[in-house]
Amino acid sequence: MSSIVVGVDFTACSAVALGQAIRIAAWSGAKVHVVHVIDTIVVIDLEEALSPMQQGIRDGLLDLAHKAWADFAERVPGAKGLPIEVSINNRIVGIHRRAREDKAELLVMGAFGDRRPDVGLGTVATACVRKSMADVLLVRDTIGQQGAAPFKTIVAAVDFSPTSLLAVRSAAHFAAKDSAQLHLLHVFQAPQDRLHFRAPTPPTQPDIQERYKRGLELRLTDFCRPALEPHATLAGGRTRFVVHDDSGHRSGITEYAKQVQADLIVLGTRGRTNIRDLLLGSTAEKVLEESRCSILAVKPGGFEHPLAADEQPKPM
């Protein structure tokens, strides 16, 4: 990577996200670009409420944001001295504009949800994953986490698509740099469980079921091997190949991550069914909603979204 963009809102969660971005930049050689976007709606509401005093409202808000950044950066190791761009815009548009102009390979944001239990990532974070042309790291400010710690357990979701191989490459890179345990996970539903009827006897014998699972294990190992070859340190006990039978493929990823106490899930984003899925993919959407740990969402090769590419309307 050569460029990392971090969206901050001066919360504790975005402090952890900024710390992770600085840490990743240190071992990848990337430049960190920090952005804070003041929502246009907030500015308009203020201007309407204070119409006799409109002049200077925008400049005052920009000034306050810069002062808030100076105080915020003091509390994040390595952040002092980093420049920040403060703009007034739709927050999603403003973040993507910065990522596009800085040619970012990675967009980093804090993941904070307003639903209980501690799931959900909020409108801005989820929209950024959906529309970003760069990979997106959503960082959880988990209870008890002290600063931007290295990841210890990484789960990479594999569905044998080209995008999931990109996800495995990214997961392997992070695992090698952080000396983390890497779990390469394929969640499947046994063929007999996908029948629309229940036969009086099992449709497949136990030995056939075992052979089916073993075949998936071999396929998983062969599929992931090219992504692991550059990282000799991942050999031995640091990498596990896991084939997990679960009737709910999407929930199976989050459930497995919970079992192994993963602090990062890496998965490819791709969609096939409806408008939302075309941008993100139903599996990724489900993991974003239910995961309690950080998530690295890896984009397909050549992915483009009009908002991230150029949010300005094209001339007729």
Protein backbone atom coordinates (compact mmCIF):
# COMPACT_ATOMS: atom_id res chain seq x y z
CA MET A 1 0.00 0.00 0.00
CA SER A 2 1.05 3.56 -0.63
CA SER A 3 -1.98 5.48 0.64
CA ILE A 4 -4.40 4.98 3.56
CA VAL A 5 -7.33 7.31 4.23
CA VAL A 6 -8.84 7.45 7.73
CA GLY A 7 -12.22 8.97 8.50
CA VAL A 8 -12.40 10.40 12.02
CA ASP A 9 -15.25 11.85 14.06
CA PHE A 10 -13.20 12.39 17.25
CA THR A 11 -14.87 9.50 19.12
CA ALA A 12 -12.95 6.85 21.05
CA CYS A 13 -13.79 4.37 18.31
CA SER A 14 -12.25 6.51 15.58
CA ALA A 15 -9.18 6.98 17.79
CA VAL A 16 -8.64 3.20 17.69
CA ALA A 17 -9.24 3.22 13.91
CA LEU A 18 -6.65 5.97 13.45
CA GLY A 19 -4.19 4.05 15.61
CA GLN A 20 -4.65 0.93 13.47
CA ALA A 21 -4.14 2.96 10.29
CA ILE A 22 -0.89 4.43 11.65
CA ARG A 23 0.27 0.97 12.72
CA ILE A 24 -0.51 -0.57 9.32
CA ALA A 25 1.14 2.34 7.52
CA ALA A 26 4.33 1.74 9.53
CA TRP A 27 4.77 -1.79 8.15
CA SER A 28 3.36 -1.15 4.68
CA GLY A 29 5.15 2.12 3.91
CA ALA A 30 1.86 3.90 3.21
CA LYS A 31 1.08 7.58 3.77
CA VAL A 32 -1.84 8.30 6.12
CA HIS A 33 -4.46 10.87 5.08
CA VAL A 34 -6.94 11.92 7.77
CA VAL A 35 -10.35 13.35 6.91
CA HIS A 36 -13.23 14.75 8.95
CA VAL A 37 -16.44 15.68 7.18
CA ILE A 38 -18.99 18.04 8.73
CA ASP A 39 -22.42 17.02 7.50
CA THR A 40 -24.00 19.58 5.17
CA ILE A 41 -27.38 19.06 6.86
CA VAL A 42 -25.96 20.19 10.19
CA VAL A 43 -24.56 23.36 8.62
CA ILE A 44 -27.84 24.16 6.84
CA ASP A 45 -29.81 23.67 10.06
CA LEU A 46 -27.46 26.00 11.90
CA GLU A 47 -27.64 28.62 9.17
CA GLU A 48 -31.45 28.51 9.18
CA ALA A 49 -31.60 28.78 12.96
CA LEU A 50 -29.06 31.61 13.05
CA SER A 51 -30.00 33.36 9.83
CA PRO A 52 -29.12 36.89 11.07
CA MET A 53 -25.63 35.58 11.95
CA GLN A 54 -25.02 33.29 8.98
CA GLN A 55 -21.77 34.88 7.94
CA GLY A 56 -18.88 33.05 9.46
CA ILE A 57 -20.81 29.98 10.62
CA ARG A 58 -19.03 27.66 8.18
CA ASP A 59 -15.61 29.11 8.90
CA GLY A 60 -16.28 28.81 12.61
CA LEU A 61 -17.22 25.14 12.30
CA LEU A 62 -14.10 24.41 10.29
CA ASP A 63 -12.01 26.20 12.92
CA LEU A 64 -13.60 24.20 15.73
CA ALA A 65 -12.93 20.93 13.89
CA HIS A 66 -9.25 21.80 13.44
CA LYS A 67 -8.96 22.60 17.15
CA ALA A 68 -10.71 19.33 18.03
CA TRP A 69 -8.22 17.47 15.81
CA ALA A 70 -5.23 19.06 17.55
CA ASP A 71 -6.51 17.79 20.91
CA PHE A 72 -7.58 14.41 19.49
CA ALA A 73 -4.21 13.75 17.79
CA GLU A 74 -2.39 14.30 21.09
CA ARG A 75 -4.14 11.21 22.49
CA VAL A 76 -3.35 8.87 19.57
CA PRO A 77 0.26 7.66 19.40
CA GLY A 78 1.85 8.67 16.11
CA ALA A 79 -0.97 11.02 15.08
CA LYS A 80 0.58 14.29 16.17
CA GLY A 81 1.83 16.14 13.14
CA LEU A 82 -0.47 14.40 10.66
CA PRO A 83 -2.44 16.90 8.59
CA ILE A 84 -6.22 16.69 8.45
CA GLU A 85 -8.65 17.75 5.77
CA VAL A 86 -11.88 19.18 7.13
CA SER A 87 -14.73 19.73 4.70
CA ILE A 88 -18.46 20.38 4.66
CA ASN A 89 -20.26 17.79 2.61
CA ASN A 90 -22.41 14.70 2.80
CA ARG A 91 -20.22 12.57 5.04
CA ILE A 92 -20.15 9.55 2.74
CA VAL A 93 -19.44 11.65 -0.35
CA GLY A 94 -16.73 13.61 1.45
CA ILE A 95 -14.90 10.51 2.68
CA HIS A 96 -14.97 8.86 -0.75
CA ARG A 97 -13.79 12.03 -2.46
CA ARG A 98 -10.75 12.08 -0.20
CA ALA A 99 -10.06 8.40 -0.84
CA ARG A 100 -10.32 8.91 -4.59
CA GLU A 101 -8.09 11.98 -4.67
CA ASP A 102 -5.45 10.27 -2.51
CA LYS A 103 -5.65 7.07 -4.59
CA ALA A 104 -6.17 5.11 -1.37
CA GLU A 105 -5.78 1.34 -1.38
CA LEU A 106 -7.32 1.16 2.10
CA LEU A 107 -10.03 3.17 3.84
CA VAL A 108 -10.06 2.85 7.64
CA MET A 109 -12.98 3.83 9.85
CA GLY A 110 -14.22 3.16 13.35
CA ALA A 111 -17.21 0.83 13.51
CA PHE A 112 -19.82 1.93 15.97
CA GLY A 113 -23.36 0.55 15.96
CA ASP A 114 -26.41 1.92 17.75
CA ARG A 115 -28.21 -1.40 18.08
CA ARG A 116 -27.97 -3.92 20.91
CA PRO A 117 -26.26 -6.24 21.48
CA ASP A 118 -23.08 -4.69 20.22
CA VAL A 119 -23.74 -5.29 16.54
CA GLY A 120 -24.38 -3.16 13.51
CA LEU A 121 -21.96 -0.68 12.06
CA GLY A 122 -23.98 2.44 11.51
CA THR A 123 -25.17 4.04 8.28
CA VAL A 124 -21.95 5.84 7.34
CA ALA A 125 -19.62 2.88 7.93
CA THR A 126 -21.81 0.40 6.06
CA ALA A 127 -22.36 2.81 3.17
CA CYS A 128 -18.62 3.35 2.89
CA VAL A 129 -18.06 -0.39 2.57
CA ARG A 130 -20.76 -0.61 -0.07
CA LYS A 131 -19.47 2.22 -2.23
CA SER A 132 -15.72 2.32 -1.69
CA MET A 133 -13.48 1.24 -4.56
CA ALA A 134 -10.69 0.66 -2.00
CA ASP A 135 -10.67 -2.11 0.59
CA VAL A 136 -12.26 -0.97 3.85
CA LEU A 137 -11.08 -1.78 7.38
CA LEU A 138 -13.82 -1.20 9.96
CA VAL A 139 -12.22 -1.17 13.40
CA ARG A 140 -14.15 -2.16 16.50
CA ASP A 141 -13.46 -0.35 19.75
CA THR A 142 -13.98 -3.53 21.75
CA ILE A 143 -14.40 -3.53 25.51
CA GLY A 144 -11.05 -3.74 27.22
CA GLN A 145 -9.05 -3.04 24.06
CA GLN A 146 -6.16 -0.75 24.83
CA GLY A 147 -5.32 1.36 21.82
CA ALA A 148 -4.58 -0.09 18.40
CA ALA A 149 -3.27 -3.53 19.32
CA PRO A 150 -2.02 -6.03 16.71
CA PHE A 151 -4.61 -8.56 15.60
CA LYS A 152 -4.22 -11.93 17.32
CA THR A 153 -6.76 -14.16 15.56
CA ILE A 154 -7.83 -13.57 11.97
CA VAL A 155 -10.63 -15.43 10.19
CA ALA A 156 -10.72 -15.26 6.38
CA ALA A 157 -14.00 -16.34 4.78
CA VAL A 158 -13.49 -18.40 1.61
CA ASP A 159 -16.20 -19.24 -0.94
CA PHE A 160 -13.77 -20.15 -3.77
CA SER A 161 -14.53 -16.95 -5.70
CA PRO A 162 -11.72 -14.77 -7.15
CA THR A 163 -12.59 -12.08 -4.60
CA SER A 164 -12.26 -14.48 -1.70
CA LEU A 165 -8.76 -15.34 -2.91
CA LEU A 166 -7.95 -11.62 -2.71
CA ALA A 167 -9.35 -11.71 0.84
CA VAL A 168 -7.08 -14.64 1.71
CA ARG A 169 -4.07 -12.71 0.37
CA SER A 170 -4.93 -9.71 2.55
CA ALA A 171 -5.59 -11.90 5.59
CA ALA A 172 -2.28 -13.70 5.13
CA HIS A 173 -0.45 -10.38 4.85
CA PHE A 174 -2.02 -9.05 8.05
CA ALA A 175 -1.40 -12.35 9.88
CA ALA A 176 2.25 -12.39 8.84
CA LYS A 177 2.82 -8.79 9.94
CA ASP A 178 0.99 -9.18 13.26
CA SER A 179 2.16 -12.76 14.02
CA ALA A 180 -1.51 -13.70 14.25
CA GLN A 181 -3.27 -17.05 14.07
CA LEU A 182 -4.94 -17.38 10.66
CA HIS A 183 -8.13 -19.41 10.20
CA LEU A 184 -9.11 -20.02 6.57
CA LEU A 185 -12.81 -20.80 6.81
CA HIS A 186 -15.23 -22.29 4.30
CA VAL A 187 -18.80 -22.54 5.55
CA PHE A 188 -21.00 -25.02 3.73
CA GLN A 189 -24.38 -26.62 4.03
CA ALA A 190 -24.38 -30.39 3.54
CA PRO A 191 -26.20 -31.40 0.32
CA GLN A 192 -28.73 -33.55 2.16
CA ASP A 193 -29.75 -30.55 4.25
CA ARG A 194 -30.66 -28.62 1.11
CA LEU A 195 -33.35 -31.09 0.04
CA HIS A 196 -36.93 -29.84 0.10
CA PHE A 197 -38.14 -33.04 1.71
CA ARG A 198 -37.08 -35.38 4.48
CA ALA A 199 -36.46 -38.95 3.37
CA PRO A 200 -37.24 -41.78 5.85
CA THR A 201 -33.55 -42.77 5.76
CA PRO A 202 -30.50 -40.51 5.53
CA PRO A 203 -29.98 -39.57 1.84
CA THR A 204 -26.24 -40.03 2.22
CA GLN A 205 -24.32 -42.49 4.33
CA PRO A 206 -21.85 -41.24 6.99
CA ASP A 207 -18.83 -42.32 4.94
CA ILE A 208 -20.10 -40.38 1.90
CA GLN A 209 -20.71 -37.30 4.08
CA GLU A 210 -17.16 -37.58 5.42
CA ARG A 211 -15.71 -37.93 1.91
CA TYR A 212 -17.67 -34.86 0.82
CA LYS A 213 -16.23 -32.82 3.69
CA ARG A 214 -12.73 -34.16 3.06
CA GLY A 215 -13.03 -33.12 -0.58
CA LEU A 216 -13.90 -29.60 0.52
CA GLU A 217 -10.89 -29.54 2.86
CA LEU A 218 -8.55 -30.50 0.02
CA ARG A 219 -10.12 -27.91 -2.26
CA LEU A 220 -9.75 -25.24 0.44
CA THR A 221 -6.07 -26.07 0.96
CA ASP A 222 -5.31 -26.00 -2.77
CA PHE A 223 -7.30 -22.79 -3.30
CA CYS A 224 -5.50 -20.86 -0.54
CA ARG A 225 -1.97 -22.15 -1.19
CA PRO A 226 -0.94 -19.42 -3.72
CA ALA A 227 -1.88 -16.70 -1.23
CA LEU A 228 0.14 -18.29 1.58
CA GLU A 229 3.34 -19.07 -0.34
CA PRO A 230 4.89 -15.59 0.13
CA HIS A 231 4.54 -15.89 3.93
CA ALA A 232 6.78 -18.66 5.26
CA THR A 233 6.07 -17.60 8.85
CA LEU A 234 2.47 -18.79 8.50
CA ALA A 235 3.55 -22.43 8.20
CA GLY A 236 2.99 -24.92 10.98
CA GLY A 237 0.44 -24.27 13.67
CA ARG A 238 -0.27 -20.66 12.81
CA THR A 239 -2.64 -21.48 9.94
CA ARG A 240 -5.78 -23.60 10.15
CA PHE A 241 -7.95 -24.78 7.27
CA VAL A 242 -11.51 -25.11 8.50
CA VAL A 243 -14.54 -26.57 6.75
CA HIS A 244 -17.58 -25.72 8.84
CA ASP A 245 -21.02 -27.26 8.25
CA ASP A 246 -23.70 -24.71 9.06
CA SER A 247 -27.24 -24.40 7.75
CA GLY A 248 -26.88 -20.61 7.70
CA HIS A 249 -23.81 -19.79 5.62
CA ARG A 250 -23.77 -16.11 6.57
CA SER A 251 -24.32 -16.59 10.30
CA GLY A 252 -21.81 -19.48 10.24
CA ILE A 253 -18.96 -17.03 9.63
CA THR A 254 -19.80 -14.82 12.60
CA GLU A 255 -20.52 -17.80 14.85
CA TYR A 256 -17.17 -19.39 14.06
CA ALA A 257 -15.36 -16.08 14.56
CA LYS A 258 -17.02 -15.82 17.97
CA GLN A 259 -15.97 -19.37 18.90
CA VAL A 260 -12.29 -18.71 18.20
CA GLN A 261 -12.44 -15.17 19.65
CA ALA A 262 -11.33 -13.60 16.38
CA ASP A 263 -10.54 -9.91 16.43
CA LEU A 264 -10.59 -9.56 12.62
CA ILE A 265 -12.77 -11.10 9.90
CA VAL A 266 -11.56 -10.72 6.32
CA LEU A 267 -14.01 -11.35 3.50
CA GLY A 268 -14.56 -10.49 -0.13
CA THR A 269 -17.53 -8.37 -1.14
CA ARG A 270 -19.57 -9.29 -4.16
CA GLY A 271 -23.28 -9.37 -4.91
CA ARG A 272 -25.53 -11.22 -7.28
CA THR A 273 -29.20 -10.84 -6.44
CA ASN A 274 -30.60 -7.36 -5.76
CA ILE A 275 -29.45 -3.75 -5.90
CA ARG A 276 -27.96 -3.83 -2.39
CA ASP A 277 -26.27 -7.18 -3.03
CA LEU A 278 -24.82 -5.95 -6.32
CA LEU A 279 -22.75 -3.49 -4.31
CA LEU A 280 -21.91 -5.56 -1.25
CA GLY A 281 -23.20 -9.12 -1.29
CA SER A 282 -25.72 -10.65 1.10
CA THR A 283 -23.07 -12.60 3.03
CA ALA A 284 -20.93 -9.51 3.60
CA GLU A 285 -24.04 -7.55 4.59
CA LYS A 286 -24.94 -10.17 7.20
CA VAL A 287 -21.41 -10.32 8.62
CA LEU A 288 -21.30 -6.51 8.86
CA GLU A 289 -24.56 -6.54 10.80
CA GLU A 290 -23.72 -9.35 13.20
CA SER A 291 -19.98 -9.26 13.75
CA ARG A 292 -18.57 -8.13 17.08
CA CYS A 293 -14.99 -7.76 15.84
CA SER A 294 -13.17 -5.67 13.25
CA ILE A 295 -13.79 -6.40 9.57
CA LEU A 296 -11.63 -6.02 6.49
CA ALA A 297 -13.90 -5.89 3.43
CA VAL A 298 -11.94 -6.69 0.26
CA LYS A 299 -13.28 -5.39 -3.04
CA PRO A 300 -13.38 -7.35 -6.30
CA GLY A 301 -10.79 -6.52 -8.94
CA GLY A 302 -11.97 -3.59 -11.06
CA PHE A 303 -14.87 -2.70 -8.72
CA GLU A 304 -16.28 0.75 -9.41
CA HIS A 305 -19.09 2.74 -7.89
CA PRO A 306 -20.24 6.10 -9.32
CA LEU A 307 -20.06 7.81 -5.94
CA ALA A 308 -16.52 6.68 -5.23
CA ALA A 309 -15.36 7.23 -8.82
CA ASP A 310 -16.83 10.67 -9.35
CA GLU A 311 -19.70 11.99 -7.29
CA GLN A 312 -20.23 14.97 -9.61
CA PRO A 313 -23.08 14.49 -12.13
CA LYS A 314 -21.88 14.05 -15.68
CA PRO A 315 -22.97 16.63 -18.28
CA MET A 316 -25.91 15.67 -20.46
